[in-house]
Amino acid sequence: MAEKRNDPRNQEKRPSRLGLHVERARGWGAVEDAWRRHRAEKAAATGEHNVHDVT
């Protein structure tokens, strides 16, 4: 039987799985890429510019 998303028995597993995904993403550089993209989008929206935020 497939796991149900909101099943209370699965709530304990979710944070640890999420943490594993974040750690893997860090290893690939994805977290840093996402942060740079976020800063660049924020700067574009506010008219701010910082050459270190854009790749």
C-alpha atoms as a PDB file:
ATOM      1  CA  MET A   1       0.000   0.000   0.000  1.00  0.00           C
ATOM      2  CA  ALA A   2       1.326   3.462  -0.893  1.00  0.00           C
ATOM      3  CA  GLU A   3       2.244   5.833   1.923  1.00  0.00           C
ATOM      4  CA  LYS A   4      -0.243   8.609   2.499  1.00  0.00           C
ATOM      5  CA  ARG A   5       1.263  12.079   2.607  1.00  0.00           C
ATOM      6  CA  ASN A   6      -0.521  13.270   5.785  1.00  0.00           C
ATOM      7  CA  ASP A   7      -0.395   9.994   7.675  1.00  0.00           C
ATOM      8  CA  PRO A   8       0.763  10.803  11.252  1.00  0.00           C
ATOM      9  CA  ARG A   9       3.012   7.740  11.197  1.00  0.00           C
ATOM     10  CA  ASN A  10       5.045   9.361   8.424  1.00  0.00           C
ATOM     11  CA  GLN A  11       5.386  12.766  10.075  1.00  0.00           C
ATOM     12  CA  GLU A  12       8.469  11.657  12.028  1.00  0.00           C
ATOM     13  CA  LYS A  13      10.238  10.509   8.862  1.00  0.00           C
ATOM     14  CA  ARG A  14       9.660  13.684   6.876  1.00  0.00           C
ATOM     15  CA  PRO A  15      12.120  16.048   8.646  1.00  0.00           C
ATOM     16  CA  SER A  16      14.937  13.528   8.468  1.00  0.00           C
ATOM     17  CA  ARG A  17      14.267  12.853   4.759  1.00  0.00           C
ATOM     18  CA  LEU A  18      14.133  16.586   4.084  1.00  0.00           C
ATOM     19  CA  GLY A  19      17.452  17.051   5.868  1.00  0.00           C
ATOM     20  CA  LEU A  20      19.035  14.348   3.734  1.00  0.00           C
ATOM     21  CA  HIS A  21      17.812  16.021   0.552  1.00  0.00           C
ATOM     22  CA  VAL A  22      19.211  19.389   1.656  1.00  0.00           C
ATOM     23  CA  GLU A  23      22.585  17.850   2.510  1.00  0.00           C
ATOM     24  CA  ARG A  24      22.762  16.143  -0.886  1.00  0.00           C
ATOM     25  CA  ALA A  25      21.830  19.403  -2.602  1.00  0.00           C
ATOM     26  CA  ARG A  26      24.608  21.195  -0.700  1.00  0.00           C
ATOM     27  CA  GLY A  27      27.087  18.638  -1.979  1.00  0.00           C
ATOM     28  CA  TRP A  28      26.038  19.397  -5.555  1.00  0.00           C
ATOM     29  CA  GLY A  29      26.255  23.152  -4.995  1.00  0.00           C
ATOM     30  CA  ALA A  30      22.500  23.480  -5.545  1.00  0.00           C
ATOM     31  CA  VAL A  31      21.868  25.345  -2.281  1.00  0.00           C
ATOM     32  CA  GLU A  32      24.460  27.988  -3.127  1.00  0.00           C
ATOM     33  CA  ASP A  33      23.123  28.254  -6.698  1.00  0.00           C
ATOM     34  CA  ALA A  34      19.598  28.742  -5.371  1.00  0.00           C
ATOM     35  CA  TRP A  35      20.796  31.423  -2.952  1.00  0.00           C
ATOM     36  CA  ARG A  36      22.600  33.318  -5.737  1.00  0.00           C
ATOM     37  CA  ARG A  37      19.536  33.086  -7.967  1.00  0.00           C
ATOM     38  CA  HIS A  38      17.265  34.299  -5.167  1.00  0.00           C
ATOM     39  CA  ARG A  39      19.522  37.299  -4.490  1.00  0.00           C
ATOM     40  CA  ALA A  40      19.723  38.136  -8.213  1.00  0.00           C
ATOM     41  CA  GLU A  41      15.923  37.952  -8.595  1.00  0.00           C
ATOM     42  CA  LYS A  42      15.436  40.063  -5.485  1.00  0.00           C
ATOM     43  CA  ALA A  43      17.945  42.640  -6.729  1.00  0.00           C
ATOM     44  CA  ALA A  44      16.233  42.781 -10.130  1.00  0.00           C
ATOM     45  CA  ALA A  45      12.852  43.296  -8.483  1.00  0.00           C
ATOM     46  CA  THR A  46      14.118  46.125  -6.268  1.00  0.00           C
ATOM     47  CA  GLY A  47      16.451  47.725  -8.814  1.00  0.00           C
ATOM     48  CA  GLU A  48      19.463  46.919  -6.638  1.00  0.00           C
ATOM     49  CA  HIS A  49      22.632  45.607  -8.282  1.00  0.00           C
ATOM     50  CA  ASN A  50      25.586  43.771  -6.791  1.00  0.00           C
ATOM     51  CA  VAL A  51      28.040  42.063  -9.153  1.00  0.00           C
ATOM     52  CA  HIS A  52      28.802  39.408  -6.515  1.00  0.00           C
ATOM     53  CA  ASP A  53      25.184  38.197  -6.460  1.00  0.00           C
ATOM     54  CA  VAL A  54      24.972  37.389 -10.161  1.00  0.00           C
ATOM     55  CA  THR A  55      26.789  34.538 -11.888  1.00  0.00           C
END
